[in-house]
């Protein structure tokens, strides 16, 4: 029921209030990160997958797509599922070091993460 209510609420509000995409994306990410904290890996995975499928014209511009992707990979990793193909679907090289850090930790490259994500 939680997933259905999130999907319906997001779909309705995005169509009714197109100027709210940034706030909706932040809230969707933050609420779903709460599921990660509760170790609700499968539910978090489904909602982050949904977030990544929201049409581009109904999403904010910028980095939220990458937050969704990294958090999806976190959910998949801790659920014991394959996540590296999704993680590697992006060339992280030009991104801010915070992304390099997240990718390094997901890949268990702790030495690289210790160096602020430098490759």
PDB file of N, CA and C in Angstrom:
ATOM      1  N   UNK A   1       0.826  -1.197   0.000  1.00  0.00           N
ATOM      2  CA  UNK A   1       0.000   0.000   0.000  1.00  0.00           C
ATOM      3  C   UNK A   1       0.868   1.258   0.000  1.00  0.00           C
ATOM      4  N   UNK A   2       1.997   1.183   0.700  1.00  0.00           N
ATOM      5  CA  UNK A   2       2.882   2.351   0.764  1.00  0.00           C
ATOM      6  C   UNK A   2       3.351   2.739  -0.637  1.00  0.00           C
ATOM      7  N   UNK A   3       3.802   1.748  -1.385  1.00  0.00           N
ATOM      8  CA  UNK A   3       4.292   2.012  -2.737  1.00  0.00           C
ATOM      9  C   UNK A   3       3.196   2.599  -3.624  1.00  0.00           C
ATOM     10  N   UNK A   4       2.013   2.053  -3.549  1.00  0.00           N
ATOM     11  CA  UNK A   4       0.893   2.545  -4.363  1.00  0.00           C
ATOM     12  C   UNK A   4       0.569   3.990  -4.003  1.00  0.00           C
ATOM     13  N   UNK A   5       0.543   4.295  -2.713  1.00  0.00           N
ATOM     14  CA  UNK A   5       0.220   5.671  -2.304  1.00  0.00           C
ATOM     15  C   UNK A   5       1.304   6.643  -2.754  1.00  0.00           C
ATOM     16  N   UNK A   6       2.552   6.229  -2.705  1.00  0.00           N
ATOM     17  CA  UNK A   6       3.640   7.095  -3.176  1.00  0.00           C
ATOM     18  C   UNK A   6       3.490   7.358  -4.666  1.00  0.00           C
ATOM     19  N   UNK A   7       3.275   6.308  -5.423  1.00  0.00           N
ATOM     20  CA  UNK A   7       3.157   6.456  -6.878  1.00  0.00           C
ATOM     21  C   UNK A   7       1.960   7.348  -7.260  1.00  0.00           C
ATOM     22  N   UNK A   8       0.817   7.075  -6.661  1.00  0.00           N
ATOM     23  CA  UNK A   8      -0.375   7.868  -6.983  1.00  0.00           C
ATOM     24  C   UNK A   8      -0.209   9.322  -6.569  1.00  0.00           C
ATOM     25  N   UNK A   9       0.301   9.530  -5.373  1.00  0.00           N
ATOM     26  CA  UNK A   9       0.505  10.892  -4.889  1.00  0.00           C
ATOM     27  C   UNK A   9       1.484  11.655  -5.758  1.00  0.00           C
ATOM     28  N   UNK A  10       2.600  11.030  -6.077  1.00  0.00           N
ATOM     29  CA  UNK A  10       3.605  11.685  -6.915  1.00  0.00           C
ATOM     30  C   UNK A  10       3.042  12.009  -8.307  1.00  0.00           C
ATOM     31  N   UNK A  11       2.360  11.052  -8.895  1.00  0.00           N
ATOM     32  CA  UNK A  11       1.814  11.263 -10.245  1.00  0.00           C
ATOM     33  C   UNK A  11       0.812  12.408 -10.262  1.00  0.00           C
ATOM     34  N   UNK A  12      -0.074  12.432  -9.294  1.00  0.00           N
ATOM     35  CA  UNK A  12      -1.096  13.481  -9.249  1.00  0.00           C
ATOM     36  C   UNK A  12      -0.485  14.853  -9.006  1.00  0.00           C
ATOM     37  N   UNK A  13       0.375  14.953  -8.026  1.00  0.00           N
ATOM     38  CA  UNK A  13       0.939  16.258  -7.678  1.00  0.00           C
ATOM     39  C   UNK A  13       1.840  16.779  -8.791  1.00  0.00           C
ATOM     40  N   UNK A  14       2.586  15.915  -9.436  1.00  0.00           N
ATOM     41  CA  UNK A  14       3.458  16.359 -10.531  1.00  0.00           C
ATOM     42  C   UNK A  14       2.654  16.938 -11.688  1.00  0.00           C
ATOM     43  N   UNK A  15       1.478  16.388 -11.940  1.00  0.00           N
ATOM     44  CA  UNK A  15       0.653  16.903 -13.037  1.00  0.00           C
ATOM     45  C   UNK A  15      -0.109  18.164 -12.639  1.00  0.00           C
ATOM     46  N   UNK A  16      -0.486  18.260 -11.378  1.00  0.00           N
ATOM     47  CA  UNK A  16      -1.237  19.423 -10.911  1.00  0.00           C
ATOM     48  C   UNK A  16      -0.358  20.628 -10.602  1.00  0.00           C
ATOM     49  N   UNK A  17       0.871  20.378 -10.150  1.00  0.00           N
ATOM     50  CA  UNK A  17       1.768  21.456  -9.721  1.00  0.00           C
ATOM     51  C   UNK A  17       3.141  21.314 -10.379  1.00  0.00           C
ATOM     52  N   UNK A  18       3.223  21.639 -11.659  1.00  0.00           N
ATOM     53  CA  UNK A  18       4.473  21.409 -12.395  1.00  0.00           C
ATOM     54  C   UNK A  18       5.667  22.220 -11.883  1.00  0.00           C
ATOM     55  N   UNK A  19       5.440  23.252 -11.115  1.00  0.00           N
ATOM     56  CA  UNK A  19       6.561  24.035 -10.589  1.00  0.00           C
ATOM     57  C   UNK A  19       7.133  23.432  -9.310  1.00  0.00           C
ATOM     58  N   UNK A  20       6.579  22.317  -8.877  1.00  0.00           N
ATOM     59  CA  UNK A  20       7.014  21.712  -7.614  1.00  0.00           C
ATOM     60  C   UNK A  20       7.922  20.503  -7.811  1.00  0.00           C
ATOM     61  N   UNK A  21       8.427  20.277  -9.015  1.00  0.00           N
ATOM     62  CA  UNK A  21       9.219  19.077  -9.281  1.00  0.00           C
ATOM     63  C   UNK A  21      10.436  18.964  -8.360  1.00  0.00           C
ATOM     64  N   UNK A  22      11.135  20.056  -8.147  1.00  0.00           N
ATOM     65  CA  UNK A  22      12.320  20.019  -7.293  1.00  0.00           C
ATOM     66  C   UNK A  22      11.993  19.562  -5.888  1.00  0.00           C
ATOM     67  N   UNK A  23      10.965  20.142  -5.311  1.00  0.00           N
ATOM     68  CA  UNK A  23      10.561  19.773  -3.950  1.00  0.00           C
ATOM     69  C   UNK A  23      10.034  18.341  -3.908  1.00  0.00           C
ATOM     70  N   UNK A  24       9.277  17.943  -4.909  1.00  0.00           N
ATOM     71  CA  UNK A  24       8.762  16.568  -4.959  1.00  0.00           C
ATOM     72  C   UNK A  24       9.893  15.554  -5.052  1.00  0.00           C
ATOM     73  N   UNK A  25      10.893  15.843  -5.874  1.00  0.00           N
ATOM     74  CA  UNK A  25      12.022  14.927  -6.001  1.00  0.00           C
ATOM     75  C   UNK A  25      12.778  14.808  -4.675  1.00  0.00           C
ATOM     76  N   UNK A  26      13.000  15.926  -4.015  1.00  0.00           N
ATOM     77  CA  UNK A  26      13.696  15.898  -2.717  1.00  0.00           C
ATOM     78  C   UNK A  26      12.910  15.091  -1.695  1.00  0.00           C
ATOM     79  N   UNK A  27      11.612  15.320  -1.622  1.00  0.00           N
ATOM     80  CA  UNK A  27      10.789  14.593  -0.659  1.00  0.00           C
ATOM     81  C   UNK A  27      10.738  13.099  -0.980  1.00  0.00           C
ATOM     82  N   UNK A  28      10.623  12.775  -2.261  1.00  0.00           N
ATOM     83  CA  UNK A  28      10.608  11.370  -2.666  1.00  0.00           C
ATOM     84  C   UNK A  28      11.919  10.695  -2.263  1.00  0.00           C
ATOM     85  N   UNK A  29      13.030  11.357  -2.524  1.00  0.00           N
ATOM     86  CA  UNK A  29      14.327  10.799  -2.149  1.00  0.00           C
ATOM     87  C   UNK A  29      14.441  10.651  -0.632  1.00  0.00           C
ATOM     88  N   UNK A  30      14.125  11.702   0.104  1.00  0.00           N
ATOM     89  CA  UNK A  30      14.297  11.671   1.558  1.00  0.00           C
ATOM     90  C   UNK A  30      13.403  10.634   2.231  1.00  0.00           C
ATOM     91  N   UNK A  31      12.160  10.544   1.790  1.00  0.00           N
ATOM     92  CA  UNK A  31      11.251   9.542   2.380  1.00  0.00           C
ATOM     93  C   UNK A  31      11.731   8.127   2.076  1.00  0.00           C
ATOM     94  N   UNK A  32      12.277   7.929   0.894  1.00  0.00           N
ATOM     95  CA  UNK A  32      12.725   6.590   0.524  1.00  0.00           C
ATOM     96  C   UNK A  32      14.056   6.258   1.197  1.00  0.00           C
ATOM     97  N   UNK A  33      14.881   7.265   1.460  1.00  0.00           N
ATOM     98  CA  UNK A  33      16.095   7.033   2.245  1.00  0.00           C
ATOM     99  C   UNK A  33      15.707   6.540   3.643  1.00  0.00           C
ATOM    100  N   UNK A  34      14.594   7.011   4.157  1.00  0.00           N
ATOM    101  CA  UNK A  34      14.104   6.508   5.450  1.00  0.00           C
ATOM    102  C   UNK A  34      13.854   5.001   5.380  1.00  0.00           C
ATOM    103  N   UNK A  35      13.378   4.511   4.236  1.00  0.00           N
ATOM    104  CA  UNK A  35      13.187   3.072   4.067  1.00  0.00           C
ATOM    105  C   UNK A  35      14.523   2.335   4.100  1.00  0.00           C
ATOM    106  N   UNK A  36      15.567   2.961   3.540  1.00  0.00           N
ATOM    107  CA  UNK A  36      16.894   2.358   3.610  1.00  0.00           C
ATOM    108  C   UNK A  36      17.344   2.246   5.064  1.00  0.00           C
ATOM    109  N   UNK A  37      17.108   3.286   5.831  1.00  0.00           N
ATOM    110  CA  UNK A  37      17.490   3.265   7.244  1.00  0.00           C
ATOM    111  C   UNK A  37      16.753   2.169   8.007  1.00  0.00           C
ATOM    112  N   UNK A  38      15.535   1.880   7.579  1.00  0.00           N
ATOM    113  CA  UNK A  38      14.732   0.824   8.207  1.00  0.00           C
ATOM    114  C   UNK A  38      15.032  -0.561   7.621  1.00  0.00           C
ATOM    115  N   UNK A  39      15.975  -0.613   6.693  1.00  0.00           N
ATOM    116  CA  UNK A  39      16.371  -1.854   6.018  1.00  0.00           C
ATOM    117  C   UNK A  39      15.236  -2.484   5.222  1.00  0.00           C
ATOM    118  N   UNK A  40      14.400  -1.643   4.665  1.00  0.00           N
ATOM    119  CA  UNK A  40      13.308  -2.085   3.796  1.00  0.00           C
ATOM    120  C   UNK A  40      13.812  -2.044   2.350  1.00  0.00           C
ATOM    121  N   UNK A  41      14.814  -2.871   2.083  1.00  0.00           N
ATOM    122  CA  UNK A  41      15.544  -2.823   0.821  1.00  0.00           C
ATOM    123  C   UNK A  41      14.645  -2.988  -0.405  1.00  0.00           C
ATOM    124  N   UNK A  42      13.755  -3.979  -0.398  1.00  0.00           N
ATOM    125  CA  UNK A  42      12.922  -4.247  -1.577  1.00  0.00           C
ATOM    126  C   UNK A  42      11.958  -3.106  -1.862  1.00  0.00           C
ATOM    127  N   UNK A  43      11.343  -2.578  -0.826  1.00  0.00           N
ATOM    128  CA  UNK A  43      10.427  -1.456  -1.021  1.00  0.00           C
ATOM    129  C   UNK A  43      11.184  -0.228  -1.501  1.00  0.00           C
ATOM    130  N   UNK A  44      12.323   0.053  -0.907  1.00  0.00           N
ATOM    131  CA  UNK A  44      13.143   1.188  -1.344  1.00  0.00           C
ATOM    132  C   UNK A  44      13.569   1.006  -2.799  1.00  0.00           C
ATOM    133  N   UNK A  45      13.951  -0.204  -3.150  1.00  0.00           N
ATOM    134  CA  UNK A  45      14.345  -0.480  -4.538  1.00  0.00           C
ATOM    135  C   UNK A  45      13.201  -0.170  -5.504  1.00  0.00           C
ATOM    136  N   UNK A  46      12.015  -0.611  -5.174  1.00  0.00           N
ATOM    137  CA  UNK A  46      10.865  -0.375  -6.071  1.00  0.00           C
ATOM    138  C   UNK A  46      10.569   1.117  -6.211  1.00  0.00           C
ATOM    139  N   UNK A  47      10.680   1.851  -5.125  1.00  0.00           N
ATOM    140  CA  UNK A  47      10.358   3.285  -5.195  1.00  0.00           C
ATOM    141  C   UNK A  47      11.467   4.052  -5.919  1.00  0.00           C
ATOM    142  N   UNK A  48      12.730   3.705  -5.674  1.00  0.00           N
ATOM    143  CA  UNK A  48      13.802   4.377  -6.429  1.00  0.00           C
ATOM    144  C   UNK A  48      13.734   4.009  -7.907  1.00  0.00           C
ATOM    145  N   UNK A  49      13.356   2.781  -8.224  1.00  0.00           N
ATOM    146  CA  UNK A  49      13.169   2.399  -9.628  1.00  0.00           C
ATOM    147  C   UNK A  49      12.055   3.234 -10.254  1.00  0.00           C
ATOM    148  N   UNK A  50      10.969   3.397  -9.509  1.00  0.00           N
ATOM    149  CA  UNK A  50       9.874   4.248  -9.975  1.00  0.00           C
ATOM    150  C   UNK A  50      10.375   5.675 -10.206  1.00  0.00           C
ATOM    151  N   UNK A  51      11.138   6.203  -9.264  1.00  0.00           N
ATOM    152  CA  UNK A  51      11.639   7.576  -9.368  1.00  0.00           C
ATOM    153  C   UNK A  51      12.460   7.767 -10.638  1.00  0.00           C
ATOM    154  N   UNK A  52      13.252   6.763 -10.988  1.00  0.00           N
ATOM    155  CA  UNK A  52      14.081   6.850 -12.189  1.00  0.00           C
ATOM    156  C   UNK A  52      13.268   6.707 -13.465  1.00  0.00           C
ATOM    157  N   UNK A  53      12.043   6.205 -13.350  1.00  0.00           N
ATOM    158  CA  UNK A  53      11.177   6.038 -14.530  1.00  0.00           C
ATOM    159  C   UNK A  53      10.234   7.221 -14.740  1.00  0.00           C
ATOM    160  N   UNK A  54      10.229   8.163 -13.820  1.00  0.00           N
ATOM    161  CA  UNK A  54       9.372   9.340 -13.989  1.00  0.00           C
ATOM    162  C   UNK A  54       9.848  10.068 -15.244  1.00  0.00           C
ATOM    163  N   UNK A  55       8.939  10.388 -16.154  1.00  0.00           N
ATOM    164  CA  UNK A  55       9.345  11.071 -17.387  1.00  0.00           C
ATOM    165  C   UNK A  55      10.123  12.356 -17.092  1.00  0.00           C
ATOM    166  N   UNK A  56      11.133  12.624 -17.909  1.00  0.00           N
ATOM    167  CA  UNK A  56      12.001  13.778 -17.695  1.00  0.00           C
ATOM    168  C   UNK A  56      11.230  15.088 -17.635  1.00  0.00           C
ATOM    169  N   UNK A  57      10.131  15.182 -18.365  1.00  0.00           N
ATOM    170  CA  UNK A  57       9.359  16.431 -18.343  1.00  0.00           C
ATOM    171  C   UNK A  57       8.525  16.570 -17.064  1.00  0.00           C
ATOM    172  N   UNK A  58       8.543  15.559 -16.202  1.00  0.00           N
ATOM    173  CA  UNK A  58       7.841  15.623 -14.917  1.00  0.00           C
ATOM    174  C   UNK A  58       8.812  15.543 -13.735  1.00  0.00           C
ATOM    175  N   UNK A  59      10.103  15.787 -14.004  1.00  0.00           N
ATOM    176  CA  UNK A  59      11.140  15.734 -12.972  1.00  0.00           C
ATOM    177  C   UNK A  59      11.900  17.045 -12.945  1.00  0.00           C
ATOM    178  N   UNK A  60      12.596  17.254 -11.838  1.00  0.00           N
ATOM    179  CA  UNK A  60      13.467  18.422 -11.753  1.00  0.00           C
ATOM    180  C   UNK A  60      14.723  18.163 -12.581  1.00  0.00           C
ATOM    181  N   UNK A  61      15.364  19.223 -12.949  1.00  0.00           N
ATOM    182  CA  UNK A  61      16.633  19.119 -13.652  1.00  0.00           C
ATOM    183  C   UNK A  61      17.732  19.014 -12.593  1.00  0.00           C
ATOM    184  N   UNK A  62      18.847  18.457 -12.955  1.00  0.00           N
ATOM    185  CA  UNK A  62      19.960  18.439 -12.021  1.00  0.00           C
ATOM    186  C   UNK A  62      20.283  17.064 -11.489  1.00  0.00           C
ATOM    187  N   UNK A  63      20.781  17.040 -10.262  1.00  0.00           N
ATOM    188  CA  UNK A  63      21.403  15.833  -9.746  1.00  0.00           C
ATOM    189  C   UNK A  63      20.491  14.840  -9.049  1.00  0.00           C
ATOM    190  N   UNK A  64      19.225  15.135  -8.891  1.00  0.00           N
ATOM    191  CA  UNK A  64      18.351  14.194  -8.176  1.00  0.00           C
ATOM    192  C   UNK A  64      18.314  12.824  -8.851  1.00  0.00           C
ATOM    193  N   UNK A  65      18.396  12.785 -10.152  1.00  0.00           N
ATOM    194  CA  UNK A  65      18.415  11.513 -10.874  1.00  0.00           C
ATOM    195  C   UNK A  65      19.580  10.642 -10.388  1.00  0.00           C
ATOM    196  N   UNK A  66      20.706  11.268 -10.109  1.00  0.00           N
ATOM    197  CA  UNK A  66      21.883  10.532  -9.661  1.00  0.00           C
ATOM    198  C   UNK A  66      21.767  10.106  -8.201  1.00  0.00           C
ATOM    199  N   UNK A  67      21.102  10.916  -7.392  1.00  0.00           N
ATOM    200  CA  UNK A  67      20.800  10.494  -6.015  1.00  0.00           C
ATOM    201  C   UNK A  67      19.912   9.249  -6.048  1.00  0.00           C
ATOM    202  N   UNK A  68      18.877   9.303  -6.890  1.00  0.00           N
ATOM    203  CA  UNK A  68      17.983   8.152  -7.016  1.00  0.00           C
ATOM    204  C   UNK A  68      18.768   6.907  -7.432  1.00  0.00           C
ATOM    205  N   UNK A  69      19.658   7.058  -8.400  1.00  0.00           N
ATOM    206  CA  UNK A  69      20.421   5.924  -8.912  1.00  0.00           C
ATOM    207  C   UNK A  69      21.345   5.343  -7.839  1.00  0.00           C
ATOM    208  N   UNK A  70      22.072   6.194  -7.147  1.00  0.00           N
ATOM    209  CA  UNK A  70      22.978   5.703  -6.101  1.00  0.00           C
ATOM    210  C   UNK A  70      22.179   5.033  -4.991  1.00  0.00           C
ATOM    211  N   UNK A  71      21.064   5.634  -4.602  1.00  0.00           N
ATOM    212  CA  UNK A  71      20.248   5.034  -3.546  1.00  0.00           C
ATOM    213  C   UNK A  71      19.604   3.727  -3.991  1.00  0.00           C
ATOM    214  N   UNK A  72      19.236   3.634  -5.250  1.00  0.00           N
ATOM    215  CA  UNK A  72      18.745   2.365  -5.794  1.00  0.00           C
ATOM    216  C   UNK A  72      19.826   1.296  -5.669  1.00  0.00           C
ATOM    217  N   UNK A  73      21.049   1.661  -6.005  1.00  0.00           N
ATOM    218  CA  UNK A  73      22.154   0.703  -5.905  1.00  0.00           C
ATOM    219  C   UNK A  73      22.403   0.290  -4.459  1.00  0.00           C
ATOM    220  N   UNK A  74      22.254   1.206  -3.522  1.00  0.00           N
ATOM    221  CA  UNK A  74      22.383   0.869  -2.102  1.00  0.00           C
ATOM    222  C   UNK A  74      21.331  -0.174  -1.727  1.00  0.00           C
ATOM    223  N   UNK A  75      20.088   0.075  -2.125  1.00  0.00           N
ATOM    224  CA  UNK A  75      19.006  -0.861  -1.810  1.00  0.00           C
ATOM    225  C   UNK A  75      19.285  -2.237  -2.404  1.00  0.00           C
ATOM    226  N   UNK A  76      19.708  -2.253  -3.668  1.00  0.00           N
ATOM    227  CA  UNK A  76      19.984  -3.536  -4.334  1.00  0.00           C
ATOM    228  C   UNK A  76      21.168  -4.256  -3.686  1.00  0.00           C
ATOM    229  N   UNK A  77      22.212  -3.523  -3.349  1.00  0.00           N
ATOM    230  CA  UNK A  77      23.387  -4.150  -2.733  1.00  0.00           C
ATOM    231  C   UNK A  77      23.019  -4.828  -1.416  1.00  0.00           C
ATOM    232  N   UNK A  78      22.306  -4.114  -0.564  1.00  0.00           N
ATOM    233  CA  UNK A  78      21.999  -4.672   0.745  1.00  0.00           C
ATOM    234  C   UNK A  78      20.884  -5.712   0.699  1.00  0.00           C
ATOM    235  N   UNK A  79      20.162  -5.753  -0.409  1.00  0.00           N
ATOM    236  CA  UNK A  79      19.185  -6.826  -0.610  1.00  0.00           C
ATOM    237  C   UNK A  79      19.863  -8.066  -1.197  1.00  0.00           C
ATOM    238  N   UNK A  80      21.167  -7.965  -1.467  1.00  0.00           N
ATOM    239  CA  UNK A  80      21.906  -9.091  -2.023  1.00  0.00           C
ATOM    240  C   UNK A  80      21.707  -9.256  -3.519  1.00  0.00           C
ATOM    241  N   UNK A  81      21.328  -8.173  -4.187  1.00  0.00           N
ATOM    242  CA  UNK A  81      21.071  -8.223  -5.628  1.00  0.00           C
ATOM    243  C   UNK A  81      22.204  -7.555  -6.401  1.00  0.00           C
ATOM    244  N   UNK A  82      22.263  -7.858  -7.685  1.00  0.00           N
ATOM    245  CA  UNK A  82      23.257  -7.256  -8.555  1.00  0.00           C
ATOM    246  C   UNK A  82      22.930  -5.770  -8.728  1.00  0.00           C
ATOM    247  N   UNK A  83      23.919  -4.932  -8.604  1.00  0.00           N
ATOM    248  CA  UNK A  83      23.694  -3.497  -8.734  1.00  0.00           C
ATOM    249  C   UNK A  83      24.755  -2.814  -9.597  1.00  0.00           C
ATOM    250  N   UNK A  84      25.861  -3.493  -9.870  1.00  0.00           N
ATOM    251  CA  UNK A  84      26.983  -2.832 -10.525  1.00  0.00           C
ATOM    252  C   UNK A  84      26.673  -2.390 -11.960  1.00  0.00           C
ATOM    253  N   UNK A  85      25.847  -3.133 -12.663  1.00  0.00           N
ATOM    254  CA  UNK A  85      25.538  -2.723 -14.038  1.00  0.00           C
ATOM    255  C   UNK A  85      24.801  -1.382 -14.039  1.00  0.00           C
ATOM    256  N   UNK A  86      23.889  -1.192 -13.084  1.00  0.00           N
ATOM    257  CA  UNK A  86      23.186   0.103 -12.987  1.00  0.00           C
ATOM    258  C   UNK A  86      24.147   1.209 -12.568  1.00  0.00           C
ATOM    259  N   UNK A  87      24.992   0.906 -11.588  1.00  0.00           N
ATOM    260  CA  UNK A  87      25.949   1.892 -11.104  1.00  0.00           C
ATOM    261  C   UNK A  87      26.911   2.298 -12.208  1.00  0.00           C
ATOM    262  N   UNK A  88      27.348   1.331 -12.987  1.00  0.00           N
ATOM    263  CA  UNK A  88      28.307   1.604 -14.055  1.00  0.00           C
ATOM    264  C   UNK A  88      27.656   2.121 -15.331  1.00  0.00           C
ATOM    265  N   UNK A  89      26.349   2.311 -15.320  1.00  0.00           N
ATOM    266  CA  UNK A  89      25.663   2.856 -16.496  1.00  0.00           C
ATOM    267  C   UNK A  89      25.936   4.356 -16.652  1.00  0.00           C
ATOM    268  N   UNK A  90      26.589   4.936 -15.664  1.00  0.00           N
ATOM    269  CA  UNK A  90      26.943   6.357 -15.690  1.00  0.00           C
ATOM    270  C   UNK A  90      28.457   6.474 -15.622  1.00  0.00           C
ATOM    271  N   UNK A  91      29.013   7.361 -16.428  1.00  0.00           N
ATOM    272  CA  UNK A  91      30.436   7.683 -16.315  1.00  0.00           C
ATOM    273  C   UNK A  91      30.563   8.743 -15.227  1.00  0.00           C
ATOM    274  N   UNK A  92      31.021   8.335 -14.059  1.00  0.00           N
ATOM    275  CA  UNK A  92      31.078   9.211 -12.892  1.00  0.00           C
ATOM    276  C   UNK A  92      32.286  10.143 -12.910  1.00  0.00           C
ATOM    277  N   UNK A  93      33.175   9.983 -13.874  1.00  0.00           N
ATOM    278  CA  UNK A  93      34.426  10.732 -13.913  1.00  0.00           C
ATOM    279  C   UNK A  93      34.232  12.249 -13.762  1.00  0.00           C
ATOM    280  N   UNK A  94      33.332  12.883 -14.508  1.00  0.00           N
ATOM    281  CA  UNK A  94      33.237  14.345 -14.392  1.00  0.00           C
ATOM    282  C   UNK A  94      32.433  14.840 -13.177  1.00  0.00           C
ATOM    283  N   UNK A  95      31.933  13.936 -12.372  1.00  0.00           N
ATOM    284  CA  UNK A  95      31.059  14.313 -11.268  1.00  0.00           C
ATOM    285  C   UNK A  95      31.849  14.806 -10.056  1.00  0.00           C
ATOM    286  N   UNK A  96      31.134  15.485  -9.189  1.00  0.00           N
ATOM    287  CA  UNK A  96      31.675  15.993  -7.928  1.00  0.00           C
ATOM    288  C   UNK A  96      32.252  14.825  -7.113  1.00  0.00           C
ATOM    289  N   UNK A  97      33.290  15.074  -6.312  1.00  0.00           N
ATOM    290  CA  UNK A  97      33.899  14.005  -5.503  1.00  0.00           C
ATOM    291  C   UNK A  97      32.928  13.262  -4.582  1.00  0.00           C
ATOM    292  N   UNK A  98      31.827  13.889  -4.198  1.00  0.00           N
ATOM    293  CA  UNK A  98      30.870  13.168  -3.336  1.00  0.00           C
ATOM    294  C   UNK A  98      30.322  11.935  -4.044  1.00  0.00           C
ATOM    295  N   UNK A  99      30.188  12.009  -5.365  1.00  0.00           N
ATOM    296  CA  UNK A  99      29.714  10.860  -6.133  1.00  0.00           C
ATOM    297  C   UNK A  99      30.807   9.792  -6.211  1.00  0.00           C
ATOM    298  N   UNK A 100      32.043  10.218  -6.381  1.00  0.00           N
ATOM    299  CA  UNK A 100      33.156   9.273  -6.422  1.00  0.00           C
ATOM    300  C   UNK A 100      33.250   8.523  -5.098  1.00  0.00           C
ATOM    301  N   UNK A 101      33.011   9.239  -4.009  1.00  0.00           N
ATOM    302  CA  UNK A 101      33.008   8.623  -2.683  1.00  0.00           C
ATOM    303  C   UNK A 101      31.913   7.564  -2.588  1.00  0.00           C
ATOM    304  N   UNK A 102      30.698   7.926  -2.987  1.00  0.00           N
ATOM    305  CA  UNK A 102      29.564   6.987  -2.913  1.00  0.00           C
ATOM    306  C   UNK A 102      29.814   5.758  -3.777  1.00  0.00           C
ATOM    307  N   UNK A 103      30.313   5.958  -4.982  1.00  0.00           N
ATOM    308  CA  UNK A 103      30.583   4.841  -5.886  1.00  0.00           C
ATOM    309  C   UNK A 103      31.671   3.943  -5.303  1.00  0.00           C
ATOM    310  N   UNK A 104      32.724   4.542  -4.767  1.00  0.00           N
ATOM    311  CA  UNK A 104      33.816   3.760  -4.179  1.00  0.00           C
ATOM    312  C   UNK A 104      33.317   2.913  -3.008  1.00  0.00           C
ATOM    313  N   UNK A 105      32.490   3.483  -2.162  1.00  0.00           N
ATOM    314  CA  UNK A 105      31.958   2.725  -1.021  1.00  0.00           C
ATOM    315  C   UNK A 105      31.060   1.591  -1.505  1.00  0.00           C
ATOM    316  N   UNK A 106      30.201   1.862  -2.469  1.00  0.00           N
ATOM    317  CA  UNK A 106      29.340   0.806  -3.004  1.00  0.00           C
ATOM    318  C   UNK A 106      30.157  -0.344  -3.593  1.00  0.00           C
ATOM    319  N   UNK A 107      31.284  -0.009  -4.182  1.00  0.00           N
ATOM    320  CA  UNK A 107      32.131  -1.027  -4.801  1.00  0.00           C
ATOM    321  C   UNK A 107      33.147  -1.612  -3.816  1.00  0.00           C
ATOM    322  N   UNK A 108      33.002  -1.277  -2.545  1.00  0.00           N
ATOM    323  CA  UNK A 108      33.908  -1.762  -1.495  1.00  0.00           C
ATOM    324  C   UNK A 108      35.362  -1.367  -1.745  1.00  0.00           C
ATOM    325  N   UNK A 109      35.557  -0.238  -2.391  1.00  0.00           N
ATOM    326  CA  UNK A 109      36.907   0.296  -2.608  1.00  0.00           C
ATOM    327  C   UNK A 109      37.161   1.345  -1.524  1.00  0.00           C
ATOM    328  N   UNK A 110      37.397   0.885  -0.331  1.00  0.00           N
ATOM    329  CA  UNK A 110      37.471   1.771   0.823  1.00  0.00           C
ATOM    330  C   UNK A 110      38.703   2.659   0.817  1.00  0.00           C
ATOM    331  N   UNK A 111      39.795   2.201   0.218  1.00  0.00           N
ATOM    332  CA  UNK A 111      40.973   3.046   0.125  1.00  0.00           C
ATOM    333  C   UNK A 111      40.673   4.255  -0.749  1.00  0.00           C
ATOM    334  N   UNK A 112      40.012   4.026  -1.879  1.00  0.00           N
ATOM    335  CA  UNK A 112      39.620   5.126  -2.750  1.00  0.00           C
ATOM    336  C   UNK A 112      38.634   6.050  -2.053  1.00  0.00           C
ATOM    337  N   UNK A 113      37.705   5.477  -1.300  1.00  0.00           N
ATOM    338  CA  UNK A 113      36.729   6.295  -0.574  1.00  0.00           C
ATOM    339  C   UNK A 113      37.423   7.143   0.475  1.00  0.00           C
ATOM    340  N   UNK A 114      38.444   6.593   1.096  1.00  0.00           N
ATOM    341  CA  UNK A 114      39.200   7.316   2.104  1.00  0.00           C
ATOM    342  C   UNK A 114      39.915   8.527   1.509  1.00  0.00           C
ATOM    343  N   UNK A 115      40.198   8.456   0.218  1.00  0.00           N
ATOM    344  CA  UNK A 115      40.852   9.562  -0.491  1.00  0.00           C
ATOM    345  C   UNK A 115      39.818  10.439  -1.173  1.00  0.00           C
ATOM    346  N   UNK A 116      38.655  10.558  -0.543  1.00  0.00           N
ATOM    347  CA  UNK A 116      37.567  11.412  -1.023  1.00  0.00           C
ATOM    348  C   UNK A 116      37.083  11.010  -2.411  1.00  0.00           C
ATOM    349  N   UNK A 117      37.150   9.726  -2.698  1.00  0.00           N
ATOM    350  CA  UNK A 117      36.590   9.237  -3.953  1.00  0.00           C
ATOM    351  C   UNK A 117      37.494   9.355  -5.133  1.00  0.00           C
ATOM    352  N   UNK A 118      38.750   9.789  -4.944  1.00  0.00           N
ATOM    353  CA  UNK A 118      39.659   9.882  -6.085  1.00  0.00           C
ATOM    354  C   UNK A 118      39.861   8.495  -6.668  1.00  0.00           C
ATOM    355  N   UNK A 119      39.945   8.434  -7.961  1.00  0.00           N
ATOM    356  CA  UNK A 119      40.148   7.152  -8.644  1.00  0.00           C
ATOM    357  C   UNK A 119      41.592   6.919  -8.886  1.00  0.00           C
TER     358      UNK A 119
END
